[in-house]
Structures are given as C-alpha cells and as structure tokens.
Amino acid sequence: RMSARFMSSSGGGLLAISVAGAIGALVGYLLHGLNAASKRLSNVVPKSLRLLYFHIPGRAEAIRLTFALGNVDFEDCRLTRTQWAEIKPTTPFGQIPVLIVDGETLAQSHAILRFAGKLAGLYPTDDLLRAAKIDEVVGAIEDMLQLLTATFKLPADARLAARKALVTGALAAAWERIDALLAGREYIVGPCVTIADVQIFCTVAMLRSGWLDGISRDSIDSFTNVIAHYKRIGGLPEVRRFYANLPPEAYANLGKAGIDLQAYTPPDSVLE
C-alpha cells in the first residue's frame, strides 16, 4: 500500500508538475507574443517624427502630404540655407530630406516616402505585388524628375531650351503613359489613395506652380486623366487642411521662391 500510495502520490505530483509546466509554458508563450506584438507596435508607431527639408515643396512634399493624409503627427522642420549648411555634415549622405525617427536618422526621399506610406496606410505591407506596382509608378515619376533635375545646372538659355524640348518630347511621352494608366480610374493603383497618387499630384502641382522657368503652367493640361486625378487628390480634405494650416512664414517663403501655392490647392478641385 505504501508503494501504491507512493506511486499514486508521485503520479499525482508528476501530473501536477506537468500541468503546472504546461500552464507556465503557455503563459510564457503568451507573454512572449505580447512582448513581440508590443515591439512591432512600437516599430509601427514612432513617438517622434521630425522631417527636415527646405521651405520649398521639392523632394519633401509627397512625404508631408502622406503624413497629412494618414493623420500622422510629425514636425515639419523647414530649414534655411544657413541651417542646412550647419547640419549637412551630420546627415547620412549629405542630402535632405531626412526624417528623424525617435532619434534615428532616415535618409533618401523614396525610403522616407515608403516608410511614411506604411505609417499612414498609403503603402501596403501585406500585398507585395500591389506594393511593387506602387513603386513602379513612383519610379516612373522619378524618371521624369531626373530629366528636369539635369537642367538646373545649365546656363539660362540652354536651360530654357532643354526644358522646352522636354515638355514636347520625353516628358510628354511619360505623361501620356501615366494618363493611359489613369483611364477609368480614380487612383493609379487599386481602389484607394497611395503614395503613388501623392507623388503624381506633387509633380503636377510643381509643373503648374510657376517655379520652373521655361515650363508653362498649362504644359500638361492636355492629359485630361492626369489633370482630373490631380484635382481629385487636391480636393481631399486632408490635403486642403494641410495647406490651409501652413504658418504665414511658410506662405511667405513659398512666394519668395516663386511658387504659386494655388497650384497645390486648385480651386476647381474635385472635393471628396
């Protein structure tokens, strides 16, 4: 009996230990999962975002609007040339924009734009093909911007001639392709706004803003799908609100740069 009792007691003890171990393992697993989820959440929602760029739209405007469209709080730091000279040696590649994410610096405008898109819900994290299609459009717009960038260092007469040739040549051909992609669509990729739409809007607005000498404000108005899309994005409440809330200093600096802000808030926008 003692042996039986002992075995029974041992068996019960083993069972209790086994159950306790299983519960402990389950609790540990759940805690690990919660910790991992917490870490993922902390990665997804930074506590602090500081975007550094000049007072012009340029390479930062699509990032600014992406944050605005996603109602993501960020600090819009607009630097003078003197301030830029001071911080330039501290940036990863000697360029801006840079985004300071919880104290860590992220450089390169497209990397920042995709990061902002993920935070704002304007770039998919679970659909690789759709993400690639968005990148495809962003890359096509970048090709256009590179054509324009190459003209900035030319002498005045050569710059004007080069831009005139682009408007009727390579840029026209590129916009024709974008126009075809937009046929019958509200947005360029999928059923909702993405960073690709924002990039198109910012590029059209730049061309219509008067900032680029040698390019008339109506240079791409013949691409009716592009213009309808531009007005649609410009009419989004978050976009209108972003520009309505710009501080007076920002307005003043845009004017000094020869940028007509009305190009970014078209009065005949398709309000949504």
C-alpha atoms as a PDB file:
ATOM      1  CA  ARG A   1       0.000   0.000   0.000  1.00  0.00           C
ATOM      2  CA  MET A   2       2.788   2.337   0.804  1.00  0.00           C
ATOM      3  CA  SER A   3       4.303   1.649  -2.512  1.00  0.00           C
ATOM      4  CA  ALA A   4       0.981   2.126  -4.199  1.00  0.00           C
ATOM      5  CA  ARG A   5       0.324   5.276  -2.215  1.00  0.00           C
ATOM      6  CA  PHE A   6       3.757   6.494  -3.063  1.00  0.00           C
ATOM      7  CA  MET A   7       3.256   5.783  -6.720  1.00  0.00           C
ATOM      8  CA  SER A   8      -0.162   7.385  -6.633  1.00  0.00           C
ATOM      9  CA  SER A   9       1.212  10.380  -4.837  1.00  0.00           C
ATOM     10  CA  SER A  10       4.157  10.551  -7.210  1.00  0.00           C
ATOM     11  CA  GLY A  11       1.860  10.150 -10.150  1.00  0.00           C
ATOM     12  CA  GLY A  12      -0.316  12.964  -8.893  1.00  0.00           C
ATOM     13  CA  GLY A  13       2.749  15.063  -8.231  1.00  0.00           C
ATOM     14  CA  LEU A  14       4.058  14.395 -11.700  1.00  0.00           C
ATOM     15  CA  LEU A  15       0.665  15.242 -13.143  1.00  0.00           C
ATOM     16  CA  ALA A  16       0.528  18.458 -11.153  1.00  0.00           C
ATOM     17  CA  ILE A  17       4.052  19.354 -12.224  1.00  0.00           C
ATOM     18  CA  SER A  18       3.183  18.517 -15.796  1.00  0.00           C
ATOM     19  CA  VAL A  19       0.042  20.674 -15.742  1.00  0.00           C
ATOM     20  CA  ALA A  20       1.860  23.488 -13.979  1.00  0.00           C
ATOM     21  CA  GLY A  21       4.648  23.266 -16.530  1.00  0.00           C
ATOM     22  CA  ALA A  22       2.193  23.386 -19.391  1.00  0.00           C
ATOM     23  CA  ILE A  23       0.450  26.405 -17.908  1.00  0.00           C
ATOM     24  CA  GLY A  24       3.784  28.070 -17.315  1.00  0.00           C
ATOM     25  CA  ALA A  25       4.844  27.376 -20.872  1.00  0.00           C
ATOM     26  CA  LEU A  26       1.544  28.748 -22.189  1.00  0.00           C
ATOM     27  CA  VAL A  27       1.836  31.891 -20.086  1.00  0.00           C
ATOM     28  CA  GLY A  28       5.422  32.313 -21.238  1.00  0.00           C
ATOM     29  CA  TYR A  29       4.367  31.872 -24.831  1.00  0.00           C
ATOM     30  CA  LEU A  30       1.569  34.407 -24.471  1.00  0.00           C
ATOM     31  CA  LEU A  31       3.863  36.898 -22.750  1.00  0.00           C
ATOM     32  CA  HIS A  32       6.440  36.407 -25.484  1.00  0.00           C
ATOM     33  CA  GLY A  33       3.745  37.040 -28.069  1.00  0.00           C
ATOM     34  CA  LEU A  34       2.591  40.160 -26.269  1.00  0.00           C
ATOM     35  CA  ASN A  35       6.164  41.416 -25.995  1.00  0.00           C
ATOM     36  CA  ALA A  36       6.751  40.744 -29.678  1.00  0.00           C
ATOM     37  CA  ALA A  37       3.494  42.474 -30.579  1.00  0.00           C
ATOM     38  CA  SER A  38       4.459  45.378 -28.356  1.00  0.00           C
ATOM     39  CA  LYS A  39       7.795  45.652 -30.119  1.00  0.00           C
ATOM     40  CA  ARG A  40       6.102  45.515 -33.510  1.00  0.00           C
ATOM     41  CA  LEU A  41       3.656  48.186 -32.417  1.00  0.00           C
ATOM     42  CA  SER A  42       6.467  50.380 -31.163  1.00  0.00           C
ATOM     43  CA  ASN A  43       8.152  49.963 -34.539  1.00  0.00           C
ATOM     44  CA  VAL A  44       4.964  50.874 -36.377  1.00  0.00           C
ATOM     45  CA  VAL A  45       4.057  53.927 -34.317  1.00  0.00           C
ATOM     46  CA  PRO A  46       7.126  56.044 -33.554  1.00  0.00           C
ATOM     47  CA  LYS A  47       6.878  58.500 -30.702  1.00  0.00           C
ATOM     48  CA  SER A  48       8.633  61.279 -32.593  1.00  0.00           C
ATOM     49  CA  LEU A  49       8.917  62.168 -36.296  1.00  0.00           C
ATOM     50  CA  ARG A  50      10.902  65.208 -37.468  1.00  0.00           C
ATOM     51  CA  LEU A  51      11.100  65.877 -41.209  1.00  0.00           C
ATOM     52  CA  LEU A  52      13.941  68.190 -42.263  1.00  0.00           C
ATOM     53  CA  TYR A  53      13.877  69.946 -45.632  1.00  0.00           C
ATOM     54  CA  PHE A  54      13.867  73.389 -47.227  1.00  0.00           C
ATOM     55  CA  HIS A  55      10.928  75.803 -47.402  1.00  0.00           C
ATOM     56  CA  ILE A  56      10.001  74.600 -50.891  1.00  0.00           C
ATOM     57  CA  PRO A  57       7.849  71.558 -51.764  1.00  0.00           C
ATOM     58  CA  GLY A  58      10.610  69.761 -53.692  1.00  0.00           C
ATOM     59  CA  ARG A  59      11.520  66.261 -52.535  1.00  0.00           C
ATOM     60  CA  ALA A  60       9.649  66.532 -49.236  1.00  0.00           C
ATOM     61  CA  GLU A  61       6.134  67.498 -50.297  1.00  0.00           C
ATOM     62  CA  ALA A  62       4.924  63.977 -51.058  1.00  0.00           C
ATOM     63  CA  ILE A  63       6.192  62.904 -47.632  1.00  0.00           C
ATOM     64  CA  ARG A  64       4.445  65.811 -45.912  1.00  0.00           C
ATOM     65  CA  LEU A  65       1.161  65.087 -47.665  1.00  0.00           C
ATOM     66  CA  THR A  66       1.411  61.366 -46.971  1.00  0.00           C
ATOM     67  CA  PHE A  67       1.677  62.064 -43.251  1.00  0.00           C
ATOM     68  CA  ALA A  68      -1.210  64.541 -43.550  1.00  0.00           C
ATOM     69  CA  LEU A  69      -3.420  62.047 -45.397  1.00  0.00           C
ATOM     70  CA  GLY A  70      -2.785  59.427 -42.722  1.00  0.00           C
ATOM     71  CA  ASN A  71      -3.267  61.904 -39.864  1.00  0.00           C
ATOM     72  CA  VAL A  72       0.248  61.057 -38.682  1.00  0.00           C
ATOM     73  CA  ASP A  73       1.712  63.692 -36.361  1.00  0.00           C
ATOM     74  CA  PHE A  74       5.114  64.944 -37.447  1.00  0.00           C
ATOM     75  CA  GLU A  75       7.289  68.007 -37.031  1.00  0.00           C
ATOM     76  CA  ASP A  76       7.710  69.825 -40.342  1.00  0.00           C
ATOM     77  CA  CYS A  77      11.136  71.456 -39.964  1.00  0.00           C
ATOM     78  CA  ARG A  78      11.789  73.887 -42.832  1.00  0.00           C
ATOM     79  CA  LEU A  79      15.425  74.911 -42.932  1.00  0.00           C
ATOM     80  CA  THR A  80      17.167  77.996 -44.195  1.00  0.00           C
ATOM     81  CA  ARG A  81      20.289  77.533 -46.304  1.00  0.00           C
ATOM     82  CA  THR A  82      22.387  78.593 -43.330  1.00  0.00           C
ATOM     83  CA  GLN A  83      20.775  75.989 -41.091  1.00  0.00           C
ATOM     84  CA  TRP A  84      21.264  73.349 -43.758  1.00  0.00           C
ATOM     85  CA  ALA A  85      24.954  74.138 -44.048  1.00  0.00           C
ATOM     86  CA  GLU A  86      25.306  73.620 -40.308  1.00  0.00           C
ATOM     87  CA  ILE A  87      23.632  70.207 -40.182  1.00  0.00           C
ATOM     88  CA  LYS A  88      24.722  68.854 -43.579  1.00  0.00           C
ATOM     89  CA  PRO A  89      27.839  67.087 -42.199  1.00  0.00           C
ATOM     90  CA  THR A  90      25.628  65.185 -39.740  1.00  0.00           C
ATOM     91  CA  THR A  91      23.336  63.674 -42.391  1.00  0.00           C
ATOM     92  CA  PRO A  92      23.984  60.169 -43.760  1.00  0.00           C
ATOM     93  CA  PHE A  93      24.516  61.203 -47.386  1.00  0.00           C
ATOM     94  CA  GLY A  94      24.870  64.984 -47.209  1.00  0.00           C
ATOM     95  CA  GLN A  95      21.349  65.443 -48.561  1.00  0.00           C
ATOM     96  CA  ILE A  96      17.855  66.275 -47.418  1.00  0.00           C
ATOM     97  CA  PRO A  97      15.109  65.412 -46.792  1.00  0.00           C
ATOM     98  CA  VAL A  98      15.903  63.357 -43.743  1.00  0.00           C
ATOM     99  CA  LEU A  99      13.403  62.008 -41.249  1.00  0.00           C
ATOM    100  CA  ILE A 100      14.395  61.723 -37.593  1.00  0.00           C
ATOM    101  CA  VAL A 101      12.507  58.727 -36.201  1.00  0.00           C
ATOM    102  CA  ASP A 102      12.732  58.549 -32.423  1.00  0.00           C
ATOM    103  CA  GLY A 103      16.234  59.987 -32.668  1.00  0.00           C
ATOM    104  CA  GLU A 104      17.392  57.774 -35.561  1.00  0.00           C
ATOM    105  CA  THR A 105      18.025  59.405 -38.935  1.00  0.00           C
ATOM    106  CA  LEU A 106      16.427  58.029 -42.091  1.00  0.00           C
ATOM    107  CA  ALA A 107      17.646  59.442 -45.415  1.00  0.00           C
ATOM    108  CA  GLN A 108      16.711  59.217 -49.123  1.00  0.00           C
ATOM    109  CA  SER A 109      13.347  60.624 -50.166  1.00  0.00           C
ATOM    110  CA  HIS A 110      11.889  57.395 -51.568  1.00  0.00           C
ATOM    111  CA  ALA A 111      12.837  55.375 -48.498  1.00  0.00           C
ATOM    112  CA  ILE A 112      11.216  58.039 -46.330  1.00  0.00           C
ATOM    113  CA  LEU A 113       8.144  58.166 -48.568  1.00  0.00           C
ATOM    114  CA  ARG A 114       7.595  54.406 -48.342  1.00  0.00           C
ATOM    115  CA  PHE A 115       8.135  54.490 -44.581  1.00  0.00           C
ATOM    116  CA  ALA A 116       5.638  57.353 -44.276  1.00  0.00           C
ATOM    117  CA  GLY A 117       3.225  55.465 -46.517  1.00  0.00           C
ATOM    118  CA  LYS A 118       3.313  52.424 -44.245  1.00  0.00           C
ATOM    119  CA  LEU A 119       2.658  54.567 -41.176  1.00  0.00           C
ATOM    120  CA  ALA A 120      -0.150  56.427 -42.930  1.00  0.00           C
ATOM    121  CA  GLY A 121      -1.785  53.396 -44.525  1.00  0.00           C
ATOM    122  CA  LEU A 122      -0.911  54.583 -48.043  1.00  0.00           C
ATOM    123  CA  TYR A 123       1.510  51.759 -48.820  1.00  0.00           C
ATOM    124  CA  PRO A 124       0.608  48.078 -48.367  1.00  0.00           C
ATOM    125  CA  THR A 125       2.552  45.863 -46.011  1.00  0.00           C
ATOM    126  CA  ASP A 126       0.724  42.633 -46.864  1.00  0.00           C
ATOM    127  CA  ASP A 127       0.364  42.798 -50.662  1.00  0.00           C
ATOM    128  CA  LEU A 128       3.766  42.529 -52.328  1.00  0.00           C
ATOM    129  CA  LEU A 129       2.500  42.876 -55.893  1.00  0.00           C
ATOM    130  CA  ARG A 130       0.445  45.990 -55.149  1.00  0.00           C
ATOM    131  CA  ALA A 131       3.417  47.495 -53.325  1.00  0.00           C
ATOM    132  CA  ALA A 132       5.585  46.785 -56.379  1.00  0.00           C
ATOM    133  CA  LYS A 133       3.007  48.413 -58.669  1.00  0.00           C
ATOM    134  CA  ILE A 134       3.091  51.496 -56.467  1.00  0.00           C
ATOM    135  CA  ASP A 135       6.898  51.513 -56.628  1.00  0.00           C
ATOM    136  CA  GLU A 136       6.611  51.198 -60.401  1.00  0.00           C
ATOM    137  CA  VAL A 137       4.649  54.454 -60.656  1.00  0.00           C
ATOM    138  CA  VAL A 138       6.877  56.251 -58.149  1.00  0.00           C
ATOM    139  CA  GLY A 139       9.868  55.145 -60.245  1.00  0.00           C
ATOM    140  CA  ALA A 140       8.263  56.451 -63.434  1.00  0.00           C
ATOM    141  CA  ILE A 141       7.701  59.845 -61.809  1.00  0.00           C
ATOM    142  CA  GLU A 142      11.293  59.805 -60.572  1.00  0.00           C
ATOM    143  CA  ASP A 143      12.476  59.286 -64.154  1.00  0.00           C
ATOM    144  CA  MET A 144      10.651  62.495 -65.092  1.00  0.00           C
ATOM    145  CA  LEU A 145      12.107  64.395 -62.171  1.00  0.00           C
ATOM    146  CA  GLN A 146      15.611  63.289 -63.113  1.00  0.00           C
ATOM    147  CA  LEU A 147      15.094  64.719 -66.598  1.00  0.00           C
ATOM    148  CA  LEU A 148      14.198  68.059 -65.039  1.00  0.00           C
ATOM    149  CA  THR A 149      16.981  67.896 -62.443  1.00  0.00           C
ATOM    150  CA  ALA A 150      19.552  67.641 -65.214  1.00  0.00           C
ATOM    151  CA  THR A 151      18.510  71.099 -66.474  1.00  0.00           C
ATOM    152  CA  PHE A 152      19.113  73.025 -63.248  1.00  0.00           C
ATOM    153  CA  LYS A 153      22.854  73.500 -63.698  1.00  0.00           C
ATOM    154  CA  LEU A 154      22.633  74.614 -67.324  1.00  0.00           C
ATOM    155  CA  PRO A 155      23.147  78.245 -68.328  1.00  0.00           C
ATOM    156  CA  ALA A 156      19.858  80.156 -68.555  1.00  0.00           C
ATOM    157  CA  ASP A 157      19.399  79.989 -72.335  1.00  0.00           C
ATOM    158  CA  ALA A 158      20.365  76.321 -72.512  1.00  0.00           C
ATOM    159  CA  ARG A 159      18.114  75.530 -69.538  1.00  0.00           C
ATOM    160  CA  LEU A 160      15.076  77.119 -71.166  1.00  0.00           C
ATOM    161  CA  ALA A 161      15.738  75.339 -74.450  1.00  0.00           C
ATOM    162  CA  ALA A 162      16.235  71.991 -72.704  1.00  0.00           C
ATOM    163  CA  ARG A 163      13.021  72.324 -70.751  1.00  0.00           C
ATOM    164  CA  LYS A 164      11.059  73.340 -73.807  1.00  0.00           C
ATOM    165  CA  ALA A 165      12.329  70.226 -75.570  1.00  0.00           C
ATOM    166  CA  LEU A 166      11.383  68.055 -72.596  1.00  0.00           C
ATOM    167  CA  VAL A 167       7.837  69.407 -72.445  1.00  0.00           C
ATOM    168  CA  THR A 168       7.166  68.405 -76.041  1.00  0.00           C
ATOM    169  CA  GLY A 169       9.365  65.320 -76.002  1.00  0.00           C
ATOM    170  CA  ALA A 170      10.332  62.954 -73.178  1.00  0.00           C
ATOM    171  CA  LEU A 171       8.059  64.471 -70.524  1.00  0.00           C
ATOM    172  CA  ALA A 172       5.082  64.439 -72.864  1.00  0.00           C
ATOM    173  CA  ALA A 173       5.688  60.775 -73.676  1.00  0.00           C
ATOM    174  CA  ALA A 174       5.943  59.916 -69.967  1.00  0.00           C
ATOM    175  CA  TRP A 175       2.764  61.770 -69.064  1.00  0.00           C
ATOM    176  CA  GLU A 176       0.960  60.075 -71.920  1.00  0.00           C
ATOM    177  CA  ARG A 177       1.717  56.714 -70.314  1.00  0.00           C
ATOM    178  CA  ILE A 178       0.570  57.903 -66.884  1.00  0.00           C
ATOM    179  CA  ASP A 179      -2.573  59.330 -68.489  1.00  0.00           C
ATOM    180  CA  ALA A 180      -3.322  55.954 -70.070  1.00  0.00           C
ATOM    181  CA  LEU A 181      -2.874  54.173 -66.730  1.00  0.00           C
ATOM    182  CA  LEU A 182      -5.354  56.564 -65.111  1.00  0.00           C
ATOM    183  CA  ALA A 183      -8.066  55.997 -67.726  1.00  0.00           C
ATOM    184  CA  GLY A 184     -11.247  54.946 -65.933  1.00  0.00           C
ATOM    185  CA  ARG A 185      -9.577  55.033 -62.510  1.00  0.00           C
ATOM    186  CA  GLU A 186      -9.862  57.287 -59.505  1.00  0.00           C
ATOM    187  CA  TYR A 187      -6.454  56.213 -58.233  1.00  0.00           C
ATOM    188  CA  ILE A 188      -3.396  54.939 -60.056  1.00  0.00           C
ATOM    189  CA  VAL A 189      -3.021  51.641 -58.148  1.00  0.00           C
ATOM    190  CA  GLY A 190      -6.019  49.943 -56.572  1.00  0.00           C
ATOM    191  CA  PRO A 191      -9.204  51.326 -55.038  1.00  0.00           C
ATOM    192  CA  CYS A 192      -7.729  53.894 -52.658  1.00  0.00           C
ATOM    193  CA  VAL A 193      -5.127  56.637 -52.494  1.00  0.00           C
ATOM    194  CA  THR A 194      -1.473  55.588 -52.184  1.00  0.00           C
ATOM    195  CA  ILE A 195       1.903  57.289 -52.180  1.00  0.00           C
ATOM    196  CA  ALA A 196       1.913  56.889 -55.979  1.00  0.00           C
ATOM    197  CA  ASP A 197      -1.112  59.197 -56.212  1.00  0.00           C
ATOM    198  CA  VAL A 198       0.556  61.677 -53.886  1.00  0.00           C
ATOM    199  CA  GLN A 199       3.727  61.647 -55.975  1.00  0.00           C
ATOM    200  CA  ILE A 200       1.763  62.312 -59.171  1.00  0.00           C
ATOM    201  CA  PHE A 201      -0.140  65.155 -57.507  1.00  0.00           C
ATOM    202  CA  CYS A 202       3.017  66.828 -56.218  1.00  0.00           C
ATOM    203  CA  THR A 203       4.729  66.604 -59.603  1.00  0.00           C
ATOM    204  CA  VAL A 204       1.755  68.055 -61.470  1.00  0.00           C
ATOM    205  CA  ALA A 205       1.451  70.818 -58.873  1.00  0.00           C
ATOM    206  CA  MET A 206       5.133  71.635 -59.257  1.00  0.00           C
ATOM    207  CA  LEU A 207       4.769  71.936 -63.024  1.00  0.00           C
ATOM    208  CA  ARG A 208       1.736  74.225 -62.587  1.00  0.00           C
ATOM    209  CA  SER A 209       3.267  76.344 -59.810  1.00  0.00           C
ATOM    210  CA  GLY A 210       5.439  78.626 -61.950  1.00  0.00           C
ATOM    211  CA  TRP A 211       8.573  77.510 -60.129  1.00  0.00           C
ATOM    212  CA  LEU A 212      10.273  76.043 -63.210  1.00  0.00           C
ATOM    213  CA  ASP A 213      11.147  78.707 -65.736  1.00  0.00           C
ATOM    214  CA  GLY A 214      10.700  77.556 -69.290  1.00  0.00           C
ATOM    215  CA  ILE A 215       7.720  75.360 -68.423  1.00  0.00           C
ATOM    216  CA  SER A 216       4.293  76.935 -68.798  1.00  0.00           C
ATOM    217  CA  ARG A 217       1.683  76.212 -66.163  1.00  0.00           C
ATOM    218  CA  ASP A 218      -0.610  74.577 -68.698  1.00  0.00           C
ATOM    219  CA  SER A 219       2.110  72.390 -70.219  1.00  0.00           C
ATOM    220  CA  ILE A 220       0.383  69.110 -69.332  1.00  0.00           C
ATOM    221  CA  ASP A 221      -3.255  70.205 -69.353  1.00  0.00           C
ATOM    222  CA  SER A 222      -3.923  68.152 -72.478  1.00  0.00           C
ATOM    223  CA  PHE A 223      -3.573  64.976 -70.384  1.00  0.00           C
ATOM    224  CA  THR A 224      -7.130  65.032 -69.114  1.00  0.00           C
ATOM    225  CA  ASN A 225      -6.943  61.926 -66.928  1.00  0.00           C
ATOM    226  CA  VAL A 226      -3.837  63.271 -65.197  1.00  0.00           C
ATOM    227  CA  ILE A 227      -5.496  66.633 -64.547  1.00  0.00           C
ATOM    228  CA  ALA A 228      -8.698  65.017 -63.249  1.00  0.00           C
ATOM    229  CA  HIS A 229      -6.594  62.895 -60.892  1.00  0.00           C
ATOM    230  CA  TYR A 230      -4.613  65.953 -59.769  1.00  0.00           C
ATOM    231  CA  LYS A 231      -7.844  67.769 -58.916  1.00  0.00           C
ATOM    232  CA  ARG A 232      -9.184  64.720 -57.102  1.00  0.00           C
ATOM    233  CA  ILE A 233      -6.134  64.431 -54.844  1.00  0.00           C
ATOM    234  CA  GLY A 234      -6.057  68.195 -54.362  1.00  0.00           C
ATOM    235  CA  GLY A 235      -9.651  68.031 -53.185  1.00  0.00           C
ATOM    236  CA  LEU A 236      -9.067  65.510 -50.429  1.00  0.00           C
ATOM    237  CA  PRO A 237      -9.955  67.164 -47.092  1.00  0.00           C
ATOM    238  CA  GLU A 238      -6.617  66.268 -45.514  1.00  0.00           C
ATOM    239  CA  VAL A 239      -4.725  67.895 -48.389  1.00  0.00           C
ATOM    240  CA  ARG A 240      -6.834  71.059 -48.235  1.00  0.00           C
ATOM    241  CA  ARG A 241      -6.426  71.181 -44.458  1.00  0.00           C
ATOM    242  CA  PHE A 242      -2.649  70.760 -44.672  1.00  0.00           C
ATOM    243  CA  TYR A 243      -2.244  73.805 -46.899  1.00  0.00           C
ATOM    244  CA  ALA A 244      -4.858  75.836 -45.052  1.00  0.00           C
ATOM    245  CA  ASN A 245      -2.902  75.336 -41.824  1.00  0.00           C
ATOM    246  CA  LEU A 246       0.515  76.329 -43.147  1.00  0.00           C
ATOM    247  CA  PRO A 247       2.029  79.074 -40.989  1.00  0.00           C
ATOM    248  CA  PRO A 248       2.421  82.566 -42.504  1.00  0.00           C
ATOM    249  CA  GLU A 249       6.189  82.099 -42.675  1.00  0.00           C
ATOM    250  CA  ALA A 250       5.748  79.101 -44.959  1.00  0.00           C
ATOM    251  CA  TYR A 251       3.473  81.078 -47.268  1.00  0.00           C
ATOM    252  CA  ALA A 252       5.993  83.915 -47.385  1.00  0.00           C
ATOM    253  CA  ASN A 253       8.892  81.621 -48.232  1.00  0.00           C
ATOM    254  CA  LEU A 254       6.955  79.888 -50.990  1.00  0.00           C
ATOM    255  CA  GLY A 255       6.243  83.282 -52.516  1.00  0.00           C
ATOM    256  CA  LYS A 256       9.908  84.247 -52.327  1.00  0.00           C
ATOM    257  CA  ALA A 257      10.785  81.053 -54.167  1.00  0.00           C
ATOM    258  CA  GLY A 258       8.357  81.929 -56.961  1.00  0.00           C
ATOM    259  CA  ILE A 259       5.936  79.130 -56.080  1.00  0.00           C
ATOM    260  CA  ASP A 260       2.223  79.760 -56.511  1.00  0.00           C
ATOM    261  CA  LEU A 261       0.589  77.813 -53.695  1.00  0.00           C
ATOM    262  CA  GLN A 262      -2.683  77.774 -55.606  1.00  0.00           C
ATOM    263  CA  ALA A 263      -1.180  75.033 -57.766  1.00  0.00           C
ATOM    264  CA  TYR A 264      -1.256  72.814 -54.663  1.00  0.00           C
ATOM    265  CA  THR A 265      -4.820  73.857 -53.786  1.00  0.00           C
ATOM    266  CA  PRO A 266      -6.544  74.014 -57.184  1.00  0.00           C
ATOM    267  CA  PRO A 267      -9.782  76.000 -56.796  1.00  0.00           C
ATOM    268  CA  ASP A 268     -11.659  73.627 -59.096  1.00  0.00           C
ATOM    269  CA  SER A 269     -10.598  70.507 -57.199  1.00  0.00           C
ATOM    270  CA  VAL A 270     -12.924  67.539 -57.078  1.00  0.00           C
ATOM    271  CA  LEU A 271     -13.835  67.665 -53.397  1.00  0.00           C
ATOM    272  CA  GLU A 272     -14.369  64.331 -51.670  1.00  0.00           C
END
